[in-house]
Amino acid sequence: MRFARRAVAGLLGILFSALTLCAQEPAPVEVSPKEAREAARFIARSRLLDTAHALAVAEDGTRRSGPWEGWLGSEGETVIPLQLFRGHTYHIVLGTSSAEGGLRADLFDGLGSHAEVETTAGGGRIILTYTPASSGTYYLRLRLAPGHDGGAVALTYIYR
């Protein structure tokens, strides 16, 4: 009986010590700007591919091979041309390195008219759903909302 109490007391002491160590803040890790950019790109790509795969399965659609990836600066914008075809529904999927929702995405047709899209956003992901009335080149404009820093962006689309 006495041995069992000592064993339990010893185990509780070890457990308390382990919990105390776990509760302490980890030492800061020095990360180079290059490593930080690579980590941001990885996060954006992971969010994109997770969402695109789930959407392709749910919609029984086809995913465009190979995502577009880039870096959006704090004061810039990027315009990406997309070849879309009448009769298909497109889910344009964006993954970002920031979960704060600072990315804005707009779709324009070849004449520069704003295309009305259904937008779903959250958790560092944006999905634009659009069925073009005519085939042609469309332009996706990506820009940051005021007050947001730059970050990594990855894009692909699902169609059916």
Protein backbone atom coordinates (compact mmCIF):
# COMPACT_ATOMS: atom_id res chain seq x y z
CA MET A 1 0.00 0.00 0.00
CA ARG A 2 2.80 2.38 0.98
CA PHE A 3 4.65 1.52 -2.27
CA ALA A 4 1.52 2.28 -4.33
CA ARG A 5 1.13 5.71 -2.68
CA ARG A 6 4.79 6.57 -3.37
CA ALA A 7 4.44 5.42 -6.97
CA VAL A 8 1.31 7.54 -7.48
CA ALA A 9 2.95 10.54 -5.79
CA GLY A 10 6.01 10.11 -8.01
CA LEU A 11 3.90 9.91 -11.17
CA LEU A 12 1.91 12.98 -10.14
CA GLY A 13 5.16 14.85 -9.56
CA ILE A 14 6.44 13.93 -13.03
CA LEU A 15 3.09 14.87 -14.61
CA PHE A 16 3.06 18.24 -12.79
CA SER A 17 6.63 18.97 -13.95
CA ALA A 18 5.70 18.11 -17.55
CA LEU A 19 2.61 20.31 -17.44
CA THR A 20 4.65 23.18 -16.01
CA LEU A 21 7.16 22.88 -18.86
CA CYS A 22 4.35 22.73 -21.45
CA ALA A 23 2.71 25.85 -20.04
CA GLN A 24 5.85 27.93 -20.53
CA GLU A 25 6.13 30.06 -23.64
CA PRO A 26 8.50 28.60 -26.23
CA ALA A 27 11.66 30.52 -26.99
CA PRO A 28 11.29 32.80 -30.03
CA VAL A 29 12.66 31.36 -33.25
CA GLU A 30 14.57 33.53 -35.67
CA VAL A 31 13.13 33.22 -39.19
CA SER A 32 14.65 34.81 -42.25
CA PRO A 33 12.42 36.83 -44.63
CA LYS A 34 12.90 34.12 -47.26
CA GLU A 35 11.77 31.41 -44.82
CA ALA A 36 8.75 33.52 -43.83
CA ARG A 37 7.73 33.93 -47.50
CA GLU A 38 8.08 30.21 -48.13
CA ALA A 39 5.96 29.44 -45.07
CA ALA A 40 3.31 31.92 -46.27
CA ARG A 41 3.26 30.30 -49.73
CA PHE A 42 2.91 26.87 -48.15
CA ILE A 43 -0.08 28.05 -46.08
CA ALA A 44 -1.78 29.62 -49.12
CA ARG A 45 -1.16 26.52 -51.27
CA SER A 46 -2.42 24.18 -48.52
CA ARG A 47 -5.63 26.16 -48.05
CA LEU A 48 -6.15 26.24 -51.81
CA LEU A 49 -5.59 22.54 -52.42
CA ASP A 50 -7.68 21.40 -49.43
CA THR A 51 -10.60 23.52 -50.58
CA ALA A 52 -10.23 22.72 -54.30
CA HIS A 53 -10.09 18.98 -53.70
CA ALA A 54 -13.17 18.98 -51.47
CA LEU A 55 -15.06 21.15 -53.97
CA ALA A 56 -14.08 18.99 -56.95
CA VAL A 57 -15.36 15.90 -55.16
CA ALA A 58 -18.58 17.58 -53.99
CA GLU A 59 -19.36 19.13 -57.38
CA ASP A 60 -18.10 16.18 -59.46
CA GLY A 61 -15.97 18.70 -61.31
CA THR A 62 -12.55 18.83 -62.91
CA ARG A 63 -9.71 20.82 -61.34
CA ARG A 64 -7.43 22.82 -63.59
CA SER A 65 -3.99 21.28 -63.46
CA GLY A 66 -1.40 23.29 -61.56
CA PRO A 67 -2.28 26.26 -59.39
CA TRP A 68 -1.14 29.84 -59.99
CA GLU A 69 0.89 31.16 -57.06
CA GLY A 70 2.16 34.63 -56.31
CA TRP A 71 2.83 37.33 -53.77
CA LEU A 72 0.54 40.30 -53.42
CA GLY A 73 2.29 43.40 -52.10
CA SER A 74 0.63 45.73 -49.62
CA GLU A 75 0.00 48.45 -52.22
CA GLY A 76 -0.32 46.41 -55.38
CA GLU A 77 -2.82 44.41 -57.28
CA THR A 78 -2.55 41.53 -59.70
CA VAL A 79 -4.69 40.76 -62.73
CA ILE A 80 -4.81 37.16 -63.93
CA PRO A 81 -6.33 36.24 -67.31
CA LEU A 82 -8.58 33.17 -67.32
CA GLN A 83 -9.98 31.44 -70.41
CA LEU A 84 -13.59 30.54 -69.57
CA PHE A 85 -16.14 28.75 -71.76
CA ARG A 86 -19.89 29.22 -72.04
CA GLY A 87 -21.91 26.34 -70.62
CA HIS A 88 -19.51 25.53 -67.78
CA THR A 89 -19.84 26.56 -64.16
CA TYR A 90 -16.52 27.66 -62.66
CA HIS A 91 -15.52 27.71 -59.01
CA ILE A 92 -12.45 29.93 -58.82
CA VAL A 93 -10.67 28.99 -55.59
CA LEU A 94 -8.15 31.24 -53.83
CA GLY A 95 -6.03 30.37 -50.81
CA THR A 96 -4.20 33.08 -48.89
CA SER A 97 -1.54 33.14 -46.21
CA SER A 98 -3.72 35.38 -44.03
CA ALA A 99 -6.96 34.23 -42.44
CA GLU A 100 -8.01 37.83 -41.76
CA GLY A 101 -9.94 38.35 -44.99
CA GLY A 102 -7.91 41.19 -46.46
CA LEU A 103 -7.95 39.89 -50.04
CA ARG A 104 -10.48 41.25 -52.56
CA ALA A 105 -11.23 39.42 -55.81
CA ASP A 106 -13.23 40.77 -58.77
CA LEU A 107 -13.93 39.13 -62.13
CA PHE A 108 -14.25 41.14 -65.36
CA ASP A 109 -15.16 40.05 -68.88
CA GLY A 110 -13.07 40.88 -71.96
CA LEU A 111 -14.81 44.26 -72.35
CA GLY A 112 -13.98 45.29 -68.79
CA SER A 113 -17.50 44.83 -67.41
CA HIS A 114 -17.72 43.56 -63.85
CA ALA A 115 -19.04 39.96 -63.78
CA GLU A 116 -21.61 39.15 -61.13
CA VAL A 117 -20.25 36.21 -59.16
CA GLU A 118 -21.35 34.32 -56.08
CA THR A 119 -18.63 34.74 -53.44
CA THR A 120 -17.92 32.56 -50.41
CA ALA A 121 -15.08 33.64 -48.14
CA GLY A 122 -13.55 32.77 -44.79
CA GLY A 123 -10.54 31.22 -43.11
CA GLY A 124 -8.03 32.40 -45.70
CA ARG A 125 -10.10 31.03 -48.59
CA ILE A 126 -12.27 32.64 -51.26
CA ILE A 127 -14.47 30.82 -53.76
CA LEU A 128 -15.98 32.73 -56.70
CA THR A 129 -18.70 30.83 -58.57
CA TYR A 130 -19.53 31.97 -62.10
CA THR A 131 -21.20 30.64 -65.26
CA PRO A 132 -20.18 32.80 -68.24
CA ALA A 133 -22.78 33.71 -70.84
CA SER A 134 -20.09 33.69 -73.54
CA SER A 135 -16.68 32.09 -74.02
CA GLY A 136 -13.58 34.24 -73.87
CA THR A 137 -10.84 35.71 -71.74
CA TYR A 138 -11.93 36.95 -68.32
CA TYR A 139 -9.74 38.85 -65.89
CA LEU A 140 -9.49 38.17 -62.18
CA ARG A 141 -8.28 41.20 -60.24
CA LEU A 142 -6.74 40.53 -56.84
CA ARG A 143 -6.06 43.37 -54.43
CA LEU A 144 -5.72 43.93 -50.72
CA ALA A 145 -8.21 45.81 -48.60
CA PRO A 146 -6.85 49.02 -47.05
CA GLY A 147 -4.75 48.41 -43.96
CA HIS A 148 -3.69 44.85 -44.86
CA ASP A 149 -0.11 43.79 -45.48
CA GLY A 150 0.98 41.74 -48.46
CA GLY A 151 0.89 37.98 -48.55
CA ALA A 152 0.96 34.81 -50.58
CA VAL A 153 -1.94 33.88 -52.84
CA ALA A 154 -2.62 30.62 -54.69
CA LEU A 155 -5.37 30.10 -57.28
CA THR A 156 -6.97 27.30 -59.26
CA TYR A 157 -10.44 26.58 -60.56
CA ILE A 158 -12.90 23.74 -60.74
CA TYR A 159 -15.29 23.47 -63.67
CA ARG A 160 -18.08 21.22 -64.82
